C-alpha atoms as a PDB file:
ATOM      1  CA  MET A   1     -41.267   9.372  10.758  1.00  0.00           C
ATOM      2  CA  ILE A   2     -39.099   9.599   7.645  1.00  0.00           C
ATOM      3  CA  TYR A   3     -40.838   9.683   4.271  1.00  0.00           C
ATOM      4  CA  VAL A   4     -39.761   9.710   0.627  1.00  0.00           C
ATOM      5  CA  MET A   5     -41.685  11.088  -2.333  1.00  0.00           C
ATOM      6  CA  SER A   6     -40.653  11.729  -5.929  1.00  0.00           C
ATOM      7  CA  ASP A   7     -41.710  13.172  -9.277  1.00  0.00           C
ATOM      8  CA  ILE A   8     -44.449  15.440  -7.962  1.00  0.00           C
ATOM      9  CA  HIS A   9     -44.238  17.394 -11.242  1.00  0.00           C
ATOM     10  CA  GLY A  10     -46.124  20.509 -10.186  1.00  0.00           C
ATOM     11  CA  GLU A  11     -49.067  18.568  -8.754  1.00  0.00           C
ATOM     12  CA  TYR A  12     -49.431  20.850  -5.742  1.00  0.00           C
ATOM     13  CA  GLU A  13     -52.903  19.633  -4.757  1.00  0.00           C
ATOM     14  CA  LYS A  14     -51.805  15.989  -4.695  1.00  0.00           C
ATOM     15  CA  TYR A  15     -48.753  16.963  -2.675  1.00  0.00           C
ATOM     16  CA  MET A  16     -50.873  18.771  -0.088  1.00  0.00           C
ATOM     17  CA  LYS A  17     -53.346  15.884   0.089  1.00  0.00           C
ATOM     18  CA  MET A  18     -50.450  13.513   0.674  1.00  0.00           C
ATOM     19  CA  LEU A  19     -49.065  15.626   3.512  1.00  0.00           C
ATOM     20  CA  SER A  20     -52.508  15.545   5.070  1.00  0.00           C
ATOM     21  CA  LYS A  21     -52.862  11.809   4.527  1.00  0.00           C
ATOM     22  CA  ILE A  22     -49.587  10.979   6.293  1.00  0.00           C
ATOM     23  CA  HIS A  23     -50.304  13.575   8.995  1.00  0.00           C
ATOM     24  CA  PHE A  24     -46.997  15.251   8.204  1.00  0.00           C
ATOM     25  CA  SER A  25     -45.766  17.286  11.173  1.00  0.00           C
ATOM     26  CA  ASP A  26     -42.719  19.230  12.291  1.00  0.00           C
ATOM     27  CA  SER A  27     -41.373  16.070  13.915  1.00  0.00           C
ATOM     28  CA  ASP A  28     -41.356  14.204  10.578  1.00  0.00           C
ATOM     29  CA  THR A  29     -38.882  14.379   7.701  1.00  0.00           C
ATOM     30  CA  LEU A  30     -39.632  14.237   3.988  1.00  0.00           C
ATOM     31  CA  TYR A  31     -37.136  13.654   1.181  1.00  0.00           C
ATOM     32  CA  VAL A  32     -38.363  14.582  -2.305  1.00  0.00           C
ATOM     33  CA  LEU A  33     -36.304  12.738  -4.904  1.00  0.00           C
ATOM     34  CA  GLY A  34     -36.446  15.262  -7.713  1.00  0.00           C
ATOM     35  CA  ASP A  35     -38.636  16.343 -10.601  1.00  0.00           C
ATOM     36  CA  VAL A  36     -40.586  18.772  -8.479  1.00  0.00           C
ATOM     37  CA  VAL A  37     -41.356  20.894 -11.546  1.00  0.00           C
ATOM     38  CA  ASP A  38     -42.823  20.568 -15.084  1.00  0.00           C
ATOM     39  CA  ARG A  39     -45.909  18.926 -16.573  1.00  0.00           C
ATOM     40  CA  GLY A  40     -48.237  20.006 -13.745  1.00  0.00           C
ATOM     41  CA  PHE A  41     -49.477  23.587 -13.458  1.00  0.00           C
ATOM     42  CA  ASN A  42     -48.344  24.641  -9.978  1.00  0.00           C
ATOM     43  CA  SER A  43     -44.572  24.171  -9.885  1.00  0.00           C
ATOM     44  CA  MET A  44     -43.890  27.584  -8.345  1.00  0.00           C
ATOM     45  CA  LYS A  45     -46.481  27.108  -5.611  1.00  0.00           C
ATOM     46  CA  LEU A  46     -45.048  23.686  -4.859  1.00  0.00           C
ATOM     47  CA  LEU A  47     -41.467  24.978  -4.698  1.00  0.00           C
ATOM     48  CA  ASN A  48     -42.529  27.795  -2.427  1.00  0.00           C
ATOM     49  CA  ASP A  49     -44.278  25.467   0.015  1.00  0.00           C
ATOM     50  CA  MET A  50     -41.358  23.051   0.130  1.00  0.00           C
ATOM     51  CA  SER A  51     -38.887  25.881   0.682  1.00  0.00           C
ATOM     52  CA  MET A  52     -40.840  27.071   3.722  1.00  0.00           C
ATOM     53  CA  ARG A  53     -40.595  23.682   5.446  1.00  0.00           C
ATOM     54  CA  ALA A  54     -37.312  23.079   7.281  1.00  0.00           C
ATOM     55  CA  ASN A  55     -38.006  19.332   7.392  1.00  0.00           C
ATOM     56  CA  VAL A  56     -38.433  18.857   3.629  1.00  0.00           C
ATOM     57  CA  TYR A  57     -35.211  17.990   1.809  1.00  0.00           C
ATOM     58  CA  PRO A  58     -35.229  18.102  -2.007  1.00  0.00           C
ATOM     59  CA  LEU A  59     -32.904  16.169  -4.308  1.00  0.00           C
ATOM     60  CA  ILE A  60     -32.279  17.316  -7.862  1.00  0.00           C
ATOM     61  CA  GLY A  61     -34.023  15.672 -10.802  1.00  0.00           C
ATOM     62  CA  ASN A  62     -33.477  16.072 -14.525  1.00  0.00           C
ATOM     63  CA  HIS A  63     -36.515  18.324 -14.905  1.00  0.00           C
ATOM     64  CA  ASP A  64     -35.348  20.534 -12.050  1.00  0.00           C
ATOM     65  CA  ILE A  65     -31.952  20.829 -13.741  1.00  0.00           C
ATOM     66  CA  MET A  66     -33.467  21.816 -17.085  1.00  0.00           C
ATOM     67  CA  ALA A  67     -35.726  24.355 -15.411  1.00  0.00           C
ATOM     68  CA  TYR A  68     -32.919  25.891 -13.389  1.00  0.00           C
ATOM     69  CA  ASP A  69     -30.467  26.103 -16.300  1.00  0.00           C
ATOM     70  CA  LEU A  70     -32.908  27.723 -18.703  1.00  0.00           C
ATOM     71  CA  LEU A  71     -34.815  29.986 -16.335  1.00  0.00           C
ATOM     72  CA  LYS A  72     -31.584  31.339 -14.889  1.00  0.00           C
ATOM     73  CA  LYS A  73     -30.338  32.421 -18.322  1.00  0.00           C
ATOM     74  CA  PHE A  74     -33.179  34.821 -18.885  1.00  0.00           C
ATOM     75  CA  SER A  75     -34.621  35.306 -15.410  1.00  0.00           C
ATOM     76  CA  THR A  76     -34.257  39.094 -15.339  1.00  0.00           C
ATOM     77  CA  GLU A  77     -34.791  39.802 -19.039  1.00  0.00           C
ATOM     78  CA  ILE A  78     -37.867  37.725 -19.768  1.00  0.00           C
ATOM     79  CA  THR A  79     -40.992  39.717 -20.634  1.00  0.00           C
ATOM     80  CA  SER A  80     -44.027  39.085 -22.816  1.00  0.00           C
ATOM     81  CA  GLU A  81     -42.525  41.450 -25.400  1.00  0.00           C
ATOM     82  CA  ASN A  82     -39.031  39.949 -25.710  1.00  0.00           C
ATOM     83  CA  PHE A  83     -39.706  36.320 -24.782  1.00  0.00           C
ATOM     84  CA  ASP A  84     -39.551  34.979 -28.368  1.00  0.00           C
ATOM     85  CA  ASN A  85     -36.581  37.103 -29.445  1.00  0.00           C
ATOM     86  CA  TYR A  86     -34.329  36.900 -26.414  1.00  0.00           C
ATOM     87  CA  LEU A  87     -33.071  33.349 -26.864  1.00  0.00           C
ATOM     88  CA  ASP A  88     -30.062  32.494 -29.035  1.00  0.00           C
ATOM     89  CA  GLU A  89     -30.140  29.433 -31.305  1.00  0.00           C
ATOM     90  CA  ASP A  90     -28.648  26.917 -28.856  1.00  0.00           C
ATOM     91  CA  LEU A  91     -30.830  28.146 -26.034  1.00  0.00           C
ATOM     92  CA  MET A  92     -33.881  28.045 -28.285  1.00  0.00           C
ATOM     93  CA  ILE A  93     -33.205  24.394 -29.142  1.00  0.00           C
ATOM     94  CA  SER A  94     -32.860  23.527 -25.445  1.00  0.00           C
ATOM     95  CA  MET A  95     -35.960  25.536 -24.697  1.00  0.00           C
ATOM     96  CA  LEU A  96     -38.033  23.725 -27.325  1.00  0.00           C
ATOM     97  CA  GLU A  97     -36.867  20.345 -26.050  1.00  0.00           C
ATOM     98  CA  TRP A  98     -37.806  21.345 -22.516  1.00  0.00           C
ATOM     99  CA  GLN A  99     -41.202  22.631 -23.642  1.00  0.00           C
ATOM    100  CA  ARG A 100     -41.921  19.326 -25.391  1.00  0.00           C
ATOM    101  CA  ASP A 101     -40.933  17.471 -22.223  1.00  0.00           C
ATOM    102  CA  GLY A 102     -43.422  19.315 -20.037  1.00  0.00           C
ATOM    103  CA  GLY A 103     -41.639  22.600 -19.381  1.00  0.00           C
ATOM    104  CA  GLN A 104     -44.293  24.975 -20.741  1.00  0.00           C
ATOM    105  CA  PRO A 105     -46.446  25.032 -17.562  1.00  0.00           C
ATOM    106  CA  THR A 106     -43.306  25.851 -15.557  1.00  0.00           C
ATOM    107  CA  ILE A 107     -42.449  28.702 -17.941  1.00  0.00           C
ATOM    108  CA  ASP A 108     -45.964  30.094 -17.706  1.00  0.00           C
ATOM    109  CA  ASP A 109     -45.923  29.822 -13.916  1.00  0.00           C
ATOM    110  CA  TYR A 110     -42.485  31.438 -13.632  1.00  0.00           C
ATOM    111  CA  ARG A 111     -43.442  34.384 -15.822  1.00  0.00           C
ATOM    112  CA  LYS A 112     -46.126  35.351 -13.306  1.00  0.00           C
ATOM    113  CA  LEU A 113     -43.548  35.886 -10.557  1.00  0.00           C
ATOM    114  CA  SER A 114     -41.926  39.153  -9.585  1.00  0.00           C
ATOM    115  CA  GLU A 115     -38.186  39.535 -10.092  1.00  0.00           C
ATOM    116  CA  GLU A 116     -37.643  38.955  -6.378  1.00  0.00           C
ATOM    117  CA  GLU A 117     -39.767  35.797  -6.428  1.00  0.00           C
ATOM    118  CA  ARG A 118     -37.870  34.493  -9.453  1.00  0.00           C
ATOM    119  CA  GLU A 119     -34.570  34.996  -7.681  1.00  0.00           C
ATOM    120  CA  TYR A 120     -35.917  33.146  -4.645  1.00  0.00           C
ATOM    121  CA  VAL A 121     -36.991  30.172  -6.784  1.00  0.00           C
ATOM    122  CA  LEU A 122     -33.587  29.925  -8.471  1.00  0.00           C
ATOM    123  CA  GLU A 123     -31.753  30.154  -5.156  1.00  0.00           C
ATOM    124  CA  TYR A 124     -33.917  27.364  -3.772  1.00  0.00           C
ATOM    125  CA  LEU A 125     -33.284  25.118  -6.785  1.00  0.00           C
ATOM    126  CA  GLU A 126     -29.562  25.663  -6.263  1.00  0.00           C
ATOM    127  CA  GLU A 127     -29.901  24.069  -2.812  1.00  0.00           C
ATOM    128  CA  PHE A 128     -31.201  20.724  -4.139  1.00  0.00           C
ATOM    129  CA  ALA A 129     -28.874  17.879  -3.177  1.00  0.00           C
ATOM    130  CA  LEU A 130     -27.533  15.238  -5.566  1.00  0.00           C
ATOM    131  CA  TYR A 131     -28.043  12.283  -3.236  1.00  0.00           C
ATOM    132  CA  GLU A 132     -28.721  11.308   0.364  1.00  0.00           C
ATOM    133  CA  THR A 133     -27.841   8.254   2.438  1.00  0.00           C
ATOM    134  CA  LEU A 134     -29.973   7.206   5.399  1.00  0.00           C
ATOM    135  CA  LYS A 135     -29.590   4.431   7.983  1.00  0.00           C
ATOM    136  CA  ILE A 136     -32.902   3.320   9.464  1.00  0.00           C
ATOM    137  CA  ASN A 137     -33.688   0.087  11.341  1.00  0.00           C
ATOM    138  CA  ASP A 138     -30.411  -1.611  10.344  1.00  0.00           C
ATOM    139  CA  LYS A 139     -30.976  -0.770   6.681  1.00  0.00           C
ATOM    140  CA  THR A 140     -29.116   1.698   4.489  1.00  0.00           C
ATOM    141  CA  TYR A 141     -31.063   3.670   1.889  1.00  0.00           C
ATOM    142  CA  ILE A 142     -29.350   5.446  -0.972  1.00  0.00           C
ATOM    143  CA  LEU A 143     -31.631   8.166  -2.311  1.00  0.00           C
ATOM    144  CA  VAL A 144     -31.078   9.521  -5.834  1.00  0.00           C
ATOM    145  CA  HIS A 145     -33.400  10.772  -8.531  1.00  0.00           C
ATOM    146  CA  ALA A 146     -32.633   8.438 -11.412  1.00  0.00           C
ATOM    147  CA  GLY A 147     -29.912   5.854 -10.859  1.00  0.00           C
ATOM    148  CA  LEU A 148     -26.219   5.116 -10.509  1.00  0.00           C
ATOM    149  CA  GLY A 149     -24.790   5.537 -14.003  1.00  0.00           C
ATOM    150  CA  ASN A 150     -21.417   3.933 -14.758  1.00  0.00           C
ATOM    151  CA  PHE A 151     -21.775   2.023 -11.511  1.00  0.00           C
ATOM    152  CA  ASP A 152     -18.710   0.711  -9.722  1.00  0.00           C
ATOM    153  CA  LYS A 153     -18.861  -0.860  -6.267  1.00  0.00           C
ATOM    154  CA  LYS A 154     -15.643   0.953  -5.370  1.00  0.00           C
ATOM    155  CA  LYS A 155     -17.026   4.330  -6.460  1.00  0.00           C
ATOM    156  CA  ASN A 156     -18.110   6.744  -3.727  1.00  0.00           C
ATOM    157  CA  LEU A 157     -21.419   8.542  -4.150  1.00  0.00           C
ATOM    158  CA  GLU A 158     -19.706  11.927  -4.218  1.00  0.00           C
ATOM    159  CA  ASP A 159     -17.755  10.785  -7.287  1.00  0.00           C
ATOM    160  CA  TYR A 160     -20.866  10.322  -9.417  1.00  0.00           C
ATOM    161  CA  SER A 161     -21.700  13.095 -11.844  1.00  0.00           C
ATOM    162  CA  LEU A 162     -24.943  15.022 -12.133  1.00  0.00           C
ATOM    163  CA  GLU A 163     -25.708  13.124 -15.333  1.00  0.00           C
ATOM    164  CA  GLU A 164     -25.107   9.737 -13.694  1.00  0.00           C
ATOM    165  CA  LEU A 165     -27.412  10.430 -10.744  1.00  0.00           C
ATOM    166  CA  ALA A 166     -30.152  12.565 -12.271  1.00  0.00           C
ATOM    167  CA  PHE A 167     -30.522  11.252 -15.842  1.00  0.00           C
ATOM    168  CA  THR A 168     -29.318   7.610 -16.007  1.00  0.00           C
ATOM    169  CA  ARG A 169     -32.051   5.098 -15.204  1.00  0.00           C
ATOM    170  CA  LEU A 170     -31.600   2.365 -12.636  1.00  0.00           C
ATOM    171  CA  ASP A 171     -31.349  -1.208 -13.915  1.00  0.00           C
ATOM    172  CA  PHE A 172     -33.977  -3.042 -11.888  1.00  0.00           C
ATOM    173  CA  GLU A 173     -32.696  -6.421 -13.050  1.00  0.00           C
ATOM    174  CA  ARG A 174     -29.446  -5.768 -11.218  1.00  0.00           C
ATOM    175  CA  ASN A 175     -28.594  -6.055  -7.543  1.00  0.00           C
ATOM    176  CA  TYR A 176     -26.002  -3.304  -7.208  1.00  0.00           C
ATOM    177  CA  PHE A 177     -24.593  -4.175  -3.777  1.00  0.00           C
ATOM    178  CA  ASP A 178     -23.588  -7.443  -2.119  1.00  0.00           C
ATOM    179  CA  ASP A 179     -24.844  -6.175   1.226  1.00  0.00           C
ATOM    180  CA  ASP A 180     -28.514  -7.186   1.627  1.00  0.00           C
ATOM    181  CA  SER A 181     -29.108  -4.285   3.996  1.00  0.00           C
ATOM    182  CA  VAL A 182     -28.515  -1.692   1.242  1.00  0.00           C
ATOM    183  CA  PHE A 183     -31.412  -0.401  -0.857  1.00  0.00           C
ATOM    184  CA  ILE A 184     -31.501   2.177  -3.646  1.00  0.00           C
ATOM    185  CA  ILE A 185     -34.591   4.384  -3.847  1.00  0.00           C
ATOM    186  CA  THR A 186     -35.274   6.368  -7.003  1.00  0.00           C
ATOM    187  CA  GLY A 187     -37.957   8.142  -8.968  1.00  0.00           C
ATOM    188  CA  HIS A 188     -37.520   9.091 -12.642  1.00  0.00           C
ATOM    189  CA  THR A 189     -38.847   5.844 -14.161  1.00  0.00           C
ATOM    190  CA  PRO A 190     -42.660   5.662 -13.879  1.00  0.00           C
ATOM    191  CA  THR A 191     -43.688   2.383 -12.313  1.00  0.00           C
ATOM    192  CA  LEU A 192     -46.433   2.160 -14.936  1.00  0.00           C
ATOM    193  CA  SER A 193     -43.658   1.372 -17.404  1.00  0.00           C
ATOM    194  CA  LEU A 194     -42.078  -1.191 -15.079  1.00  0.00           C
ATOM    195  CA  TRP A 195     -45.088  -3.341 -14.246  1.00  0.00           C
ATOM    196  CA  GLY A 196     -48.148  -1.556 -15.591  1.00  0.00           C
ATOM    197  CA  ARG A 197     -49.337  -0.403 -12.162  1.00  0.00           C
ATOM    198  CA  PRO A 198     -49.220   2.976 -10.370  1.00  0.00           C
ATOM    199  CA  ASP A 199     -47.726   1.299  -7.309  1.00  0.00           C
ATOM    200  CA  ILE A 200     -44.265   1.419  -5.755  1.00  0.00           C
ATOM    201  CA  TYR A 201     -42.018  -1.126  -7.476  1.00  0.00           C
ATOM    202  CA  GLN A 202     -39.354  -3.180  -5.670  1.00  0.00           C
ATOM    203  CA  LYS A 203     -36.871  -5.602  -7.197  1.00  0.00           C
ATOM    204  CA  ASN A 204     -33.296  -6.621  -6.391  1.00  0.00           C
ATOM    205  CA  HIS A 205     -33.085  -4.125  -3.525  1.00  0.00           C
ATOM    206  CA  ASN A 206     -34.105  -1.357  -5.917  1.00  0.00           C
ATOM    207  CA  ILE A 207     -37.207   0.666  -5.053  1.00  0.00           C
ATOM    208  CA  CYS A 208     -38.921   3.007  -7.513  1.00  0.00           C
ATOM    209  CA  ILE A 209     -41.462   5.468  -6.107  1.00  0.00           C
ATOM    210  CA  ASP A 210     -42.407   7.430  -9.257  1.00  0.00           C
ATOM    211  CA  CYS A 211     -45.987   6.288  -9.698  1.00  0.00           C
ATOM    212  CA  GLY A 212     -46.847   8.785 -12.408  1.00  0.00           C
ATOM    213  CA  ALA A 213     -48.545  11.563 -10.446  1.00  0.00           C
ATOM    214  CA  CYS A 214     -48.751  13.765 -13.539  1.00  0.00           C
ATOM    215  CA  PHE A 215     -50.038  11.075 -15.923  1.00  0.00           C
ATOM    216  CA  ASP A 216     -53.483   9.676 -16.619  1.00  0.00           C
ATOM    217  CA  GLY A 217     -53.830   6.509 -14.583  1.00  0.00           C
ATOM    218  CA  GLY A 218     -50.948   7.501 -12.310  1.00  0.00           C
ATOM    219  CA  ARG A 219     -50.843   8.744  -8.756  1.00  0.00           C
ATOM    220  CA  LEU A 220     -48.508  10.318  -6.216  1.00  0.00           C
ATOM    221  CA  ALA A 221     -46.771   7.821  -3.940  1.00  0.00           C
ATOM    222  CA  CYS A 222     -45.112   8.231  -0.568  1.00  0.00           C
ATOM    223  CA  LEU A 223     -43.118   5.607   1.326  1.00  0.00           C
ATOM    224  CA  CYS A 224     -42.480   5.661   5.071  1.00  0.00           C
ATOM    225  CA  LEU A 225     -38.982   4.297   5.680  1.00  0.00           C
ATOM    226  CA  ASP A 226     -39.636   3.557   9.340  1.00  0.00           C
ATOM    227  CA  THR A 227     -42.589   1.236   8.712  1.00  0.00           C
ATOM    228  CA  PHE A 228     -42.396   0.640   4.929  1.00  0.00           C
ATOM    229  CA  GLU A 229     -46.041   1.642   4.693  1.00  0.00           C
ATOM    230  CA  GLU A 230     -47.086   2.914   1.262  1.00  0.00           C
ATOM    231  CA  PHE A 231     -49.408   5.876   0.735  1.00  0.00           C
ATOM    232  CA  TYR A 232     -51.120   6.999  -2.481  1.00  0.00           C
ATOM    233  CA  VAL A 233     -53.092  10.005  -3.662  1.00  0.00           C
END
């Protein structure tokens, strides 16, 4: 079976419960549509587990990008003694913005790692894909974290920028493709904000699977693309 999940946000326990719930095995495939890190308290543990599974394919989300960019800049120098003084002004501003947006638990988790473990985490984040396209049961699924910014029907997926795929939200009032067999699956926008429910949201061939796993009243969602069965933890 082929599954999609998104916006786990460091919620390692929910992730593990979901794998158990769907009876995830070596014969299955899981695509995680970004925002693996931040807000929750076990981002490093989650990244490590995903990296050890050959059948889990991560896509990059905006939080993963922020984490990678900032952690890489001081990965070898960061210590409890120099942490506050190491950053220059621009990096400090970015750091504060990231902290306010849920980055502090990731920082705390990362600081516990050895230098070798930190390098492993950064190398794994570098492997995250920008998008994926799947054809299942006569349907085509375009998987991205956030949306298709500056959309053009003639534009190939490889021509979209990191910003357009990982930061720009999908317009759920718009049917992007004329072909009714094409669906776009994203995370990034919590479904609680779309229809007030922590359930997968579908409209105009757009499917959002970020059900707010890290928020009060939210939960982790998983969608099976073979059967379209929805799972929640």
